[in-house]
Amino acid sequence: QQVLYTRLADELIARLKAAQGIQRRGLILAYIQKFKQACNHPDQLNGTGDFAEPGSGKFARLREICEELREKRERVLIFTQFREMIEPLDGFCTGLYGRPGVHLHGGTTLPGREAAVTTFQGNDYVPFFLLSLKAGGTGLNLTASTHVIHFDRWWNPAVERQAEDRAYRIGQ
């Protein structure tokens, strides 16, 4: 990851030298997105699809956090801004917990959304709920969870706080 990040930074610097005006701003915004993807997992940026844990410091840290939660049988909401990260995170967390969780993203149908929420909030232990920040950050009560993880950060902290409020409701 570090090598990839450094290569991206060098590439951006070289391209900025040749760019002017609004083109420079566009390059910076595009590269911020690339940096975020590289930090999640190099496979997200490269499109290789492997998503092996050793390739990502974030996956290693997520393992540490979730192993502790698993021991306590606590539930967690895991938010990502990238829909394409839902499936790799689902596979990773299912393997880690030894049982499936639920997920929700912008392509989830209304009945699928309701079923995922009902399943997670139910009496059976469903350890994790993976949500895309935009689709799952508003309009849900997910008070069965005791923890919230932002796998990748959004540029607006208010959006992240609103997502956290899915778990931490007034009076809870």
N, C-alpha and C. Protein backbone atom coordinates (compact mmCIF):
# COMPACT_ATOMS: atom_id res chain seq x y z
N GLN A 1 0.82 -1.20 0.00
CA GLN A 1 0.00 0.00 0.00
C GLN A 1 0.86 1.25 0.00
N GLN A 2 1.88 1.23 0.80
CA GLN A 2 2.74 2.41 0.90
C GLN A 2 3.43 2.70 -0.44
N VAL A 3 3.89 1.67 -1.11
CA VAL A 3 4.54 1.85 -2.40
C VAL A 3 3.55 2.40 -3.42
N LEU A 4 2.34 1.85 -3.44
CA LEU A 4 1.30 2.32 -4.35
C LEU A 4 0.95 3.78 -4.07
N TYR A 5 0.80 4.12 -2.80
CA TYR A 5 0.45 5.49 -2.42
C TYR A 5 1.54 6.47 -2.86
N THR A 6 2.78 6.10 -2.63
CA THR A 6 3.91 6.95 -3.04
C THR A 6 3.94 7.11 -4.55
N ARG A 7 3.69 6.03 -5.28
CA ARG A 7 3.67 6.10 -6.74
C ARG A 7 2.56 7.05 -7.21
N LEU A 8 1.38 6.96 -6.58
CA LEU A 8 0.28 7.86 -6.93
C LEU A 8 0.65 9.32 -6.65
N ALA A 9 1.29 9.56 -5.51
CA ALA A 9 1.68 10.93 -5.15
C ALA A 9 2.68 11.49 -6.17
N ASP A 10 3.66 10.68 -6.55
CA ASP A 10 4.65 11.11 -7.55
C ASP A 10 3.98 11.38 -8.89
N GLU A 11 3.04 10.52 -9.25
CA GLU A 11 2.31 10.67 -10.51
C GLU A 11 1.49 11.97 -10.50
N LEU A 12 0.85 12.25 -9.38
CA LEU A 12 0.05 13.47 -9.26
C LEU A 12 0.94 14.71 -9.39
N ILE A 13 2.06 14.70 -8.70
CA ILE A 13 2.97 15.85 -8.76
C ILE A 13 3.42 16.10 -10.20
N ALA A 14 3.77 15.04 -10.90
CA ALA A 14 4.21 15.18 -12.29
C ALA A 14 3.09 15.73 -13.17
N ARG A 15 1.88 15.24 -12.97
CA ARG A 15 0.75 15.70 -13.80
C ARG A 15 0.35 17.13 -13.46
N LEU A 16 0.51 17.53 -12.20
CA LEU A 16 0.16 18.90 -11.80
C LEU A 16 1.09 19.92 -12.44
N LYS A 17 2.32 19.53 -12.66
CA LYS A 17 3.28 20.44 -13.28
C LYS A 17 2.85 20.83 -14.70
N ALA A 18 2.16 19.93 -15.37
CA ALA A 18 1.73 20.18 -16.75
C ALA A 18 0.32 20.75 -16.83
N ALA A 19 -0.40 20.76 -15.72
CA ALA A 19 -1.80 21.19 -15.72
C ALA A 19 -1.93 22.65 -15.31
N GLN A 20 -3.05 23.24 -15.71
CA GLN A 20 -3.30 24.65 -15.36
C GLN A 20 -4.77 24.82 -14.98
N GLY A 21 -5.03 25.81 -14.14
CA GLY A 21 -6.39 26.23 -13.81
C GLY A 21 -7.28 25.13 -13.28
N ILE A 22 -8.46 25.03 -13.87
CA ILE A 22 -9.47 24.09 -13.41
C ILE A 22 -9.02 22.64 -13.59
N GLN A 23 -8.15 22.42 -14.57
CA GLN A 23 -7.63 21.07 -14.78
C GLN A 23 -6.84 20.58 -13.57
N ARG A 24 -6.11 21.50 -12.92
CA ARG A 24 -5.36 21.14 -11.71
C ARG A 24 -6.31 20.69 -10.60
N ARG A 25 -7.40 21.44 -10.43
CA ARG A 25 -8.38 21.09 -9.39
C ARG A 25 -9.01 19.73 -9.67
N GLY A 26 -9.33 19.48 -10.93
CA GLY A 26 -9.90 18.19 -11.30
C GLY A 26 -8.94 17.05 -11.02
N LEU A 27 -7.67 17.26 -11.31
CA LEU A 27 -6.66 16.24 -11.03
C LEU A 27 -6.58 15.95 -9.53
N ILE A 28 -6.59 16.98 -8.74
CA ILE A 28 -6.48 16.80 -7.29
C ILE A 28 -7.68 16.01 -6.77
N LEU A 29 -8.87 16.38 -7.20
CA LEU A 29 -10.06 15.64 -6.76
C LEU A 29 -10.02 14.18 -7.21
N ALA A 30 -9.61 13.94 -8.43
CA ALA A 30 -9.52 12.57 -8.94
C ALA A 30 -8.50 11.76 -8.14
N TYR A 31 -7.39 12.39 -7.80
CA TYR A 31 -6.36 11.66 -7.07
C TYR A 31 -6.73 11.46 -5.60
N ILE A 32 -7.50 12.34 -5.03
CA ILE A 32 -7.98 12.10 -3.66
C ILE A 32 -8.77 10.79 -3.64
N GLN A 33 -9.60 10.59 -4.64
CA GLN A 33 -10.38 9.36 -4.75
C GLN A 33 -9.46 8.15 -4.90
N LYS A 34 -8.44 8.27 -5.72
CA LYS A 34 -7.48 7.18 -5.90
C LYS A 34 -6.73 6.88 -4.61
N PHE A 35 -6.33 7.92 -3.89
CA PHE A 35 -5.63 7.72 -2.61
C PHE A 35 -6.52 6.97 -1.63
N LYS A 36 -7.79 7.35 -1.58
CA LYS A 36 -8.73 6.67 -0.68
C LYS A 36 -8.85 5.20 -1.03
N GLN A 37 -8.95 4.91 -2.32
CA GLN A 37 -9.07 3.51 -2.75
C GLN A 37 -7.80 2.73 -2.42
N ALA A 38 -6.66 3.32 -2.66
CA ALA A 38 -5.39 2.65 -2.35
C ALA A 38 -5.28 2.38 -0.85
N CYS A 39 -5.78 3.30 -0.04
CA CYS A 39 -5.73 3.11 1.41
C CYS A 39 -6.71 2.03 1.88
N ASN A 40 -7.83 1.88 1.20
CA ASN A 40 -8.75 0.80 1.55
C ASN A 40 -8.11 -0.55 1.26
N HIS A 41 -7.72 -0.73 0.02
CA HIS A 41 -7.04 -1.95 -0.42
C HIS A 41 -6.54 -1.71 -1.83
N PRO A 42 -5.29 -2.04 -2.13
CA PRO A 42 -4.79 -1.83 -3.49
C PRO A 42 -5.66 -2.47 -4.57
N ASP A 43 -6.32 -3.58 -4.24
CA ASP A 43 -7.16 -4.25 -5.22
C ASP A 43 -8.37 -3.40 -5.61
N GLN A 44 -8.81 -2.53 -4.73
CA GLN A 44 -9.92 -1.66 -5.10
C GLN A 44 -9.48 -0.71 -6.21
N LEU A 45 -8.31 -0.16 -6.08
CA LEU A 45 -7.79 0.77 -7.10
C LEU A 45 -7.41 0.03 -8.38
N ASN A 46 -6.75 -1.11 -8.23
CA ASN A 46 -6.26 -1.85 -9.39
C ASN A 46 -7.34 -2.68 -10.08
N GLY A 47 -8.43 -2.94 -9.38
CA GLY A 47 -9.51 -3.73 -9.96
C GLY A 47 -9.21 -5.20 -10.10
N THR A 48 -8.25 -5.72 -9.34
CA THR A 48 -7.89 -7.13 -9.46
C THR A 48 -8.86 -8.05 -8.73
N GLY A 49 -9.53 -7.54 -7.70
CA GLY A 49 -10.59 -8.30 -7.06
C GLY A 49 -10.16 -9.32 -6.03
N ASP A 50 -8.90 -9.42 -5.71
CA ASP A 50 -8.45 -10.43 -4.74
C ASP A 50 -8.79 -10.03 -3.31
N PHE A 51 -8.46 -8.83 -2.90
CA PHE A 51 -8.74 -8.27 -1.58
C PHE A 51 -8.21 -9.14 -0.44
N ALA A 52 -7.03 -9.73 -0.61
CA ALA A 52 -6.42 -10.54 0.44
C ALA A 52 -6.02 -9.63 1.60
N GLU A 53 -6.22 -10.10 2.81
CA GLU A 53 -5.96 -9.29 4.00
C GLU A 53 -4.54 -8.73 4.07
N PRO A 54 -3.50 -9.50 3.74
CA PRO A 54 -2.14 -8.94 3.86
C PRO A 54 -1.89 -7.69 3.00
N GLY A 55 -2.73 -7.44 2.02
CA GLY A 55 -2.55 -6.28 1.16
C GLY A 55 -3.05 -4.98 1.73
N SER A 56 -3.73 -5.03 2.89
CA SER A 56 -4.36 -3.83 3.41
C SER A 56 -4.19 -3.68 4.92
N GLY A 57 -3.64 -2.56 5.32
CA GLY A 57 -3.55 -2.26 6.74
C GLY A 57 -4.92 -2.07 7.36
N LYS A 58 -5.87 -1.57 6.58
CA LYS A 58 -7.23 -1.38 7.10
C LYS A 58 -7.90 -2.72 7.39
N PHE A 59 -7.69 -3.70 6.53
CA PHE A 59 -8.27 -5.02 6.78
C PHE A 59 -7.66 -5.61 8.06
N ALA A 60 -6.36 -5.43 8.25
CA ALA A 60 -5.70 -5.94 9.45
C ALA A 60 -6.26 -5.26 10.70
N ARG A 61 -6.45 -3.96 10.64
CA ARG A 61 -7.00 -3.23 11.79
C ARG A 61 -8.45 -3.62 12.03
N LEU A 62 -9.22 -3.80 10.96
CA LEU A 62 -10.61 -4.23 11.10
C LEU A 62 -10.66 -5.60 11.79
N ARG A 63 -9.74 -6.48 11.45
CA ARG A 63 -9.68 -7.79 12.11
C ARG A 63 -9.48 -7.61 13.62
N GLU A 64 -8.54 -6.77 14.01
CA GLU A 64 -8.27 -6.55 15.43
C GLU A 64 -9.52 -6.07 16.17
N ILE A 65 -10.19 -5.10 15.59
CA ILE A 65 -11.39 -4.55 16.23
C ILE A 65 -12.49 -5.59 16.30
N CYS A 66 -12.75 -6.25 15.19
CA CYS A 66 -13.87 -7.20 15.13
C CYS A 66 -13.62 -8.46 15.95
N GLU A 67 -12.38 -8.88 16.09
CA GLU A 67 -12.10 -10.04 16.95
C GLU A 67 -12.50 -9.74 18.39
N GLU A 68 -12.23 -8.54 18.84
CA GLU A 68 -12.64 -8.14 20.19
C GLU A 68 -14.16 -8.10 20.31
N LEU A 69 -14.82 -7.56 19.31
CA LEU A 69 -16.29 -7.50 19.32
C LEU A 69 -16.89 -8.90 19.26
N ARG A 70 -16.28 -9.77 18.48
CA ARG A 70 -16.76 -11.16 18.37
C ARG A 70 -16.72 -11.86 19.72
N GLU A 71 -15.64 -11.66 20.46
CA GLU A 71 -15.51 -12.28 21.77
C GLU A 71 -16.61 -11.84 22.73
N LYS A 72 -17.04 -10.59 22.57
CA LYS A 72 -18.09 -10.04 23.43
C LYS A 72 -19.49 -10.24 22.85
N ARG A 73 -19.56 -10.81 21.63
CA ARG A 73 -20.83 -11.00 20.90
C ARG A 73 -21.58 -9.67 20.73
N GLU A 74 -20.82 -8.64 20.42
CA GLU A 74 -21.43 -7.34 20.16
C GLU A 74 -21.60 -7.15 18.66
N ARG A 75 -22.48 -6.26 18.30
CA ARG A 75 -22.80 -6.01 16.89
C ARG A 75 -22.17 -4.69 16.45
N VAL A 76 -21.85 -4.63 15.14
CA VAL A 76 -21.16 -3.46 14.62
C VAL A 76 -21.75 -3.04 13.28
N LEU A 77 -21.82 -1.73 13.08
CA LEU A 77 -22.14 -1.16 11.79
C LEU A 77 -20.82 -0.76 11.15
N ILE A 78 -20.61 -1.16 9.90
CA ILE A 78 -19.40 -0.81 9.18
C ILE A 78 -19.81 -0.03 7.94
N PHE A 79 -19.42 1.24 7.90
CA PHE A 79 -19.77 2.11 6.79
C PHE A 79 -18.59 2.26 5.83
N THR A 80 -18.90 2.30 4.55
CA THR A 80 -17.93 2.61 3.51
C THR A 80 -18.59 3.52 2.50
N GLN A 81 -17.83 4.40 1.91
CA GLN A 81 -18.40 5.28 0.88
C GLN A 81 -18.42 4.59 -0.47
N PHE A 82 -17.74 3.45 -0.60
CA PHE A 82 -17.60 2.76 -1.88
C PHE A 82 -18.46 1.50 -1.91
N ARG A 83 -19.43 1.49 -2.78
CA ARG A 83 -20.29 0.32 -2.93
C ARG A 83 -19.47 -0.92 -3.27
N GLU A 84 -18.42 -0.76 -4.09
CA GLU A 84 -17.63 -1.92 -4.50
C GLU A 84 -16.84 -2.55 -3.35
N MET A 85 -16.80 -1.89 -2.20
CA MET A 85 -16.12 -2.48 -1.03
C MET A 85 -17.06 -3.36 -0.20
N ILE A 86 -18.36 -3.28 -0.43
CA ILE A 86 -19.31 -4.06 0.37
C ILE A 86 -19.04 -5.56 0.25
N GLU A 87 -18.92 -6.06 -0.96
CA GLU A 87 -18.73 -7.50 -1.15
C GLU A 87 -17.41 -8.00 -0.55
N PRO A 88 -16.27 -7.34 -0.81
CA PRO A 88 -15.02 -7.81 -0.17
C PRO A 88 -15.08 -7.74 1.36
N LEU A 89 -15.69 -6.69 1.89
CA LEU A 89 -15.82 -6.59 3.34
C LEU A 89 -16.75 -7.66 3.88
N ASP A 90 -17.80 -7.97 3.14
CA ASP A 90 -18.73 -9.02 3.55
C ASP A 90 -18.02 -10.37 3.64
N GLY A 91 -17.25 -10.70 2.62
CA GLY A 91 -16.50 -11.96 2.65
C GLY A 91 -15.49 -11.99 3.79
N PHE A 92 -14.81 -10.89 3.99
CA PHE A 92 -13.82 -10.80 5.06
C PHE A 92 -14.48 -10.97 6.43
N CYS A 93 -15.56 -10.23 6.67
CA CYS A 93 -16.23 -10.27 7.98
C CYS A 93 -16.93 -11.61 8.22
N THR A 94 -17.51 -12.19 7.18
CA THR A 94 -18.15 -13.50 7.32
C THR A 94 -17.11 -14.53 7.75
N GLY A 95 -15.94 -14.50 7.13
CA GLY A 95 -14.87 -15.41 7.53
C GLY A 95 -14.38 -15.15 8.94
N LEU A 96 -14.31 -13.91 9.30
CA LEU A 96 -13.83 -13.53 10.63
C LEU A 96 -14.80 -13.96 11.73
N TYR A 97 -16.08 -13.72 11.50
CA TYR A 97 -17.09 -14.06 12.50
C TYR A 97 -17.57 -15.51 12.41
N GLY A 98 -17.32 -16.15 11.28
CA GLY A 98 -17.79 -17.51 11.09
C GLY A 98 -19.30 -17.58 10.89
N ARG A 99 -19.89 -16.48 10.55
CA ARG A 99 -21.33 -16.39 10.28
C ARG A 99 -21.60 -15.15 9.45
N PRO A 100 -22.68 -15.16 8.70
CA PRO A 100 -22.95 -14.01 7.84
C PRO A 100 -23.51 -12.82 8.60
N GLY A 101 -23.33 -11.68 8.01
CA GLY A 101 -23.97 -10.46 8.48
C GLY A 101 -24.97 -10.04 7.42
N VAL A 102 -25.29 -8.78 7.40
CA VAL A 102 -26.18 -8.24 6.37
C VAL A 102 -25.53 -7.02 5.76
N HIS A 103 -26.03 -6.61 4.61
CA HIS A 103 -25.46 -5.43 3.97
C HIS A 103 -26.54 -4.66 3.23
N LEU A 104 -26.22 -3.40 2.98
CA LEU A 104 -27.16 -2.50 2.33
C LEU A 104 -26.35 -1.47 1.54
N HIS A 105 -26.77 -1.23 0.31
CA HIS A 105 -26.13 -0.21 -0.52
C HIS A 105 -27.19 0.39 -1.42
N GLY A 106 -26.81 1.30 -2.26
CA GLY A 106 -27.76 2.01 -3.12
C GLY A 106 -28.56 1.11 -4.05
N GLY A 107 -28.05 -0.07 -4.36
CA GLY A 107 -28.77 -1.00 -5.24
C GLY A 107 -29.71 -1.93 -4.51
N THR A 108 -29.77 -1.82 -3.19
CA THR A 108 -30.65 -2.68 -2.40
C THR A 108 -32.10 -2.22 -2.58
N THR A 109 -32.98 -3.16 -2.88
CA THR A 109 -34.40 -2.83 -3.05
C THR A 109 -35.01 -2.48 -1.70
N LEU A 110 -36.17 -1.84 -1.72
CA LEU A 110 -36.86 -1.50 -0.48
C LEU A 110 -37.17 -2.75 0.35
N PRO A 111 -37.72 -3.83 -0.25
CA PRO A 111 -37.94 -5.04 0.55
C PRO A 111 -36.63 -5.62 1.10
N GLY A 112 -35.56 -5.56 0.30
CA GLY A 112 -34.25 -6.05 0.76
C GLY A 112 -33.71 -5.21 1.90
N ARG A 113 -33.93 -3.92 1.81
CA ARG A 113 -33.50 -2.99 2.86
C ARG A 113 -34.23 -3.31 4.17
N GLU A 114 -35.55 -3.47 4.08
CA GLU A 114 -36.36 -3.78 5.27
C GLU A 114 -35.97 -5.12 5.87
N ALA A 115 -35.72 -6.12 5.01
CA ALA A 115 -35.31 -7.44 5.49
C ALA A 115 -33.96 -7.38 6.20
N ALA A 116 -33.02 -6.63 5.65
CA ALA A 116 -31.69 -6.52 6.27
C ALA A 116 -31.80 -5.87 7.65
N VAL A 117 -32.59 -4.81 7.76
CA VAL A 117 -32.75 -4.13 9.04
C VAL A 117 -33.42 -5.05 10.05
N THR A 118 -34.48 -5.73 9.64
CA THR A 118 -35.20 -6.65 10.54
C THR A 118 -34.29 -7.77 11.01
N THR A 119 -33.51 -8.32 10.09
CA THR A 119 -32.58 -9.39 10.45
C THR A 119 -31.55 -8.91 11.46
N PHE A 120 -30.97 -7.76 11.20
CA PHE A 120 -29.94 -7.23 12.10
C PHE A 120 -30.50 -6.88 13.47
N GLN A 121 -31.68 -6.32 13.50
CA GLN A 121 -32.30 -5.89 14.75
C GLN A 121 -32.94 -7.04 15.53
N GLY A 122 -33.03 -8.22 14.90
CA GLY A 122 -33.73 -9.35 15.51
C GLY A 122 -32.99 -9.97 16.69
N ASN A 123 -33.60 -11.01 17.23
CA ASN A 123 -33.04 -11.70 18.40
C ASN A 123 -31.84 -12.57 18.07
N ASP A 124 -31.78 -13.10 16.84
CA ASP A 124 -30.62 -13.91 16.47
C ASP A 124 -29.40 -13.01 16.33
N TYR A 125 -28.25 -13.56 16.70
CA TYR A 125 -27.02 -12.78 16.65
C TYR A 125 -26.55 -12.62 15.21
N VAL A 126 -26.63 -11.41 14.71
CA VAL A 126 -26.08 -11.04 13.40
C VAL A 126 -24.98 -10.03 13.73
N PRO A 127 -23.72 -10.44 13.58
CA PRO A 127 -22.62 -9.64 14.13
C PRO A 127 -22.31 -8.33 13.43
N PHE A 128 -22.57 -8.24 12.13
CA PHE A 128 -22.17 -7.02 11.43
C PHE A 128 -23.20 -6.63 10.37
N PHE A 129 -23.23 -5.32 10.13
CA PHE A 129 -24.08 -4.75 9.09
C PHE A 129 -23.19 -3.83 8.28
N LEU A 130 -22.98 -4.15 7.01
CA LEU A 130 -22.17 -3.34 6.11
C LEU A 130 -23.10 -2.41 5.35
N LEU A 131 -22.76 -1.13 5.36
CA LEU A 131 -23.62 -0.14 4.72
C LEU A 131 -22.80 0.83 3.90
N SER A 132 -23.32 1.16 2.73
CA SER A 132 -22.71 2.28 2.02
C SER A 132 -23.19 3.54 2.73
N LEU A 133 -22.33 4.50 2.85
CA LEU A 133 -22.61 5.69 3.65
C LEU A 133 -23.84 6.43 3.16
N LYS A 134 -23.97 6.55 1.87
CA LYS A 134 -25.11 7.30 1.33
C LYS A 134 -26.43 6.56 1.52
N ALA A 135 -26.45 5.25 1.26
CA ALA A 135 -27.70 4.48 1.34
C ALA A 135 -28.10 4.16 2.77
N GLY A 136 -27.11 3.97 3.64
CA GLY A 136 -27.42 3.55 5.00
C GLY A 136 -27.24 4.62 6.05
N GLY A 137 -26.85 5.81 5.64
CA GLY A 137 -26.54 6.85 6.61
C GLY A 137 -27.72 7.62 7.13
N THR A 138 -28.90 7.40 6.57
CA THR A 138 -30.09 8.13 7.03
C THR A 138 -31.30 7.20 7.04
N GLY A 139 -32.26 7.54 7.88
CA GLY A 139 -33.55 6.88 7.86
C GLY A 139 -33.62 5.48 8.44
N LEU A 140 -32.62 5.05 9.16
CA LEU A 140 -32.62 3.71 9.74
C LEU A 140 -32.43 3.78 11.25
N ASN A 141 -33.08 2.87 11.96
CA ASN A 141 -32.82 2.68 13.38
C ASN A 141 -32.10 1.34 13.52
N LEU A 142 -30.85 1.39 13.90
CA LEU A 142 -30.04 0.18 14.03
C LEU A 142 -29.44 0.13 15.43
N THR A 143 -30.30 0.23 16.41
CA THR A 143 -29.88 0.33 17.79
C THR A 143 -29.37 -0.99 18.36
N ALA A 144 -29.47 -2.09 17.62
CA ALA A 144 -28.92 -3.36 18.09
C ALA A 144 -27.39 -3.32 18.07
N SER A 145 -26.83 -2.40 17.31
CA SER A 145 -25.37 -2.32 17.25
C SER A 145 -24.84 -1.51 18.43
N THR A 146 -23.66 -1.89 18.86
CA THR A 146 -23.00 -1.18 19.95
C THR A 146 -21.77 -0.43 19.46
N HIS A 147 -21.41 -0.64 18.20
CA HIS A 147 -20.21 -0.02 17.65
C HIS A 147 -20.44 0.43 16.22
N VAL A 148 -19.75 1.48 15.82
CA VAL A 148 -19.79 1.99 14.45
C VAL A 148 -18.34 2.15 13.98
N ILE A 149 -18.08 1.61 12.79
CA ILE A 149 -16.76 1.75 12.18
C ILE A 149 -16.93 2.43 10.83
N HIS A 150 -16.14 3.45 10.58
CA HIS A 150 -16.07 4.05 9.25
C HIS A 150 -14.83 3.47 8.59
N PHE A 151 -15.04 2.52 7.67
CA PHE A 151 -13.91 1.87 7.02
C PHE A 151 -13.10 2.87 6.21
N ASP A 152 -13.80 3.78 5.57
CA ASP A 152 -13.13 4.89 4.90
C ASP A 152 -13.88 6.17 5.24
N ARG A 153 -13.16 7.26 5.26
CA ARG A 153 -13.72 8.52 5.74
C ARG A 153 -14.37 9.31 4.62
N TRP A 154 -15.43 10.01 4.96
CA TRP A 154 -16.12 10.89 4.05
C TRP A 154 -15.57 12.29 4.24
N TRP A 155 -15.66 13.12 3.24
CA TRP A 155 -15.10 14.47 3.32
C TRP A 155 -15.88 15.37 4.25
N ASN A 156 -17.14 15.02 4.54
CA ASN A 156 -17.99 15.86 5.39
C ASN A 156 -18.27 15.13 6.72
N PRO A 157 -17.69 15.57 7.82
CA PRO A 157 -17.89 14.89 9.10
C PRO A 157 -19.35 14.85 9.54
N ALA A 158 -20.17 15.81 9.11
CA ALA A 158 -21.58 15.81 9.49
C ALA A 158 -22.29 14.59 8.92
N VAL A 159 -21.91 14.16 7.73
CA VAL A 159 -22.50 12.97 7.12
C VAL A 159 -22.12 11.73 7.93
N GLU A 160 -20.88 11.68 8.39
CA GLU A 160 -20.45 10.56 9.23
C GLU A 160 -21.20 10.53 10.56
N ARG A 161 -21.38 11.69 11.16
CA ARG A 161 -22.12 11.75 12.43
C ARG A 161 -23.56 11.31 12.24
N GLN A 162 -24.14 11.70 11.13
CA GLN A 162 -25.51 11.29 10.85
C GLN A 162 -25.59 9.77 10.70
N ALA A 163 -24.59 9.17 10.07
CA ALA A 163 -24.54 7.71 9.95
C ALA A 163 -24.40 7.06 11.33
N GLU A 164 -23.55 7.63 12.16
CA GLU A 164 -23.38 7.10 13.52
C GLU A 164 -24.67 7.15 14.31
N ASP A 165 -25.49 8.14 14.01
CA ASP A 165 -26.77 8.28 14.72
C ASP A 165 -27.74 7.16 14.40
N ARG A 166 -27.44 6.31 13.41
CA ARG A 166 -28.29 5.14 13.15
C ARG A 166 -28.24 4.20 14.35
N ALA A 167 -27.11 4.18 15.04
CA ALA A 167 -26.94 3.30 16.19
C ALA A 167 -27.20 4.03 17.50
N TYR A 168 -26.72 5.25 17.59
CA TYR A 168 -26.79 5.99 18.84
C TYR A 168 -27.96 6.96 18.79
N ARG A 169 -29.12 6.50 19.22
CA ARG A 169 -30.33 7.30 19.16
C ARG A 169 -30.51 8.08 20.46
N ILE A 170 -31.19 9.20 20.38
CA ILE A 170 -31.47 10.03 21.56
C ILE A 170 -32.21 9.18 22.59
N GLY A 171 -31.72 9.21 23.81
CA GLY A 171 -32.35 8.47 24.90
C GLY A 171 -31.83 7.05 25.05
N GLN A 172 -30.98 6.62 24.14
CA GLN A 172 -30.45 5.25 24.23
C GLN A 172 -29.30 5.21 25.21
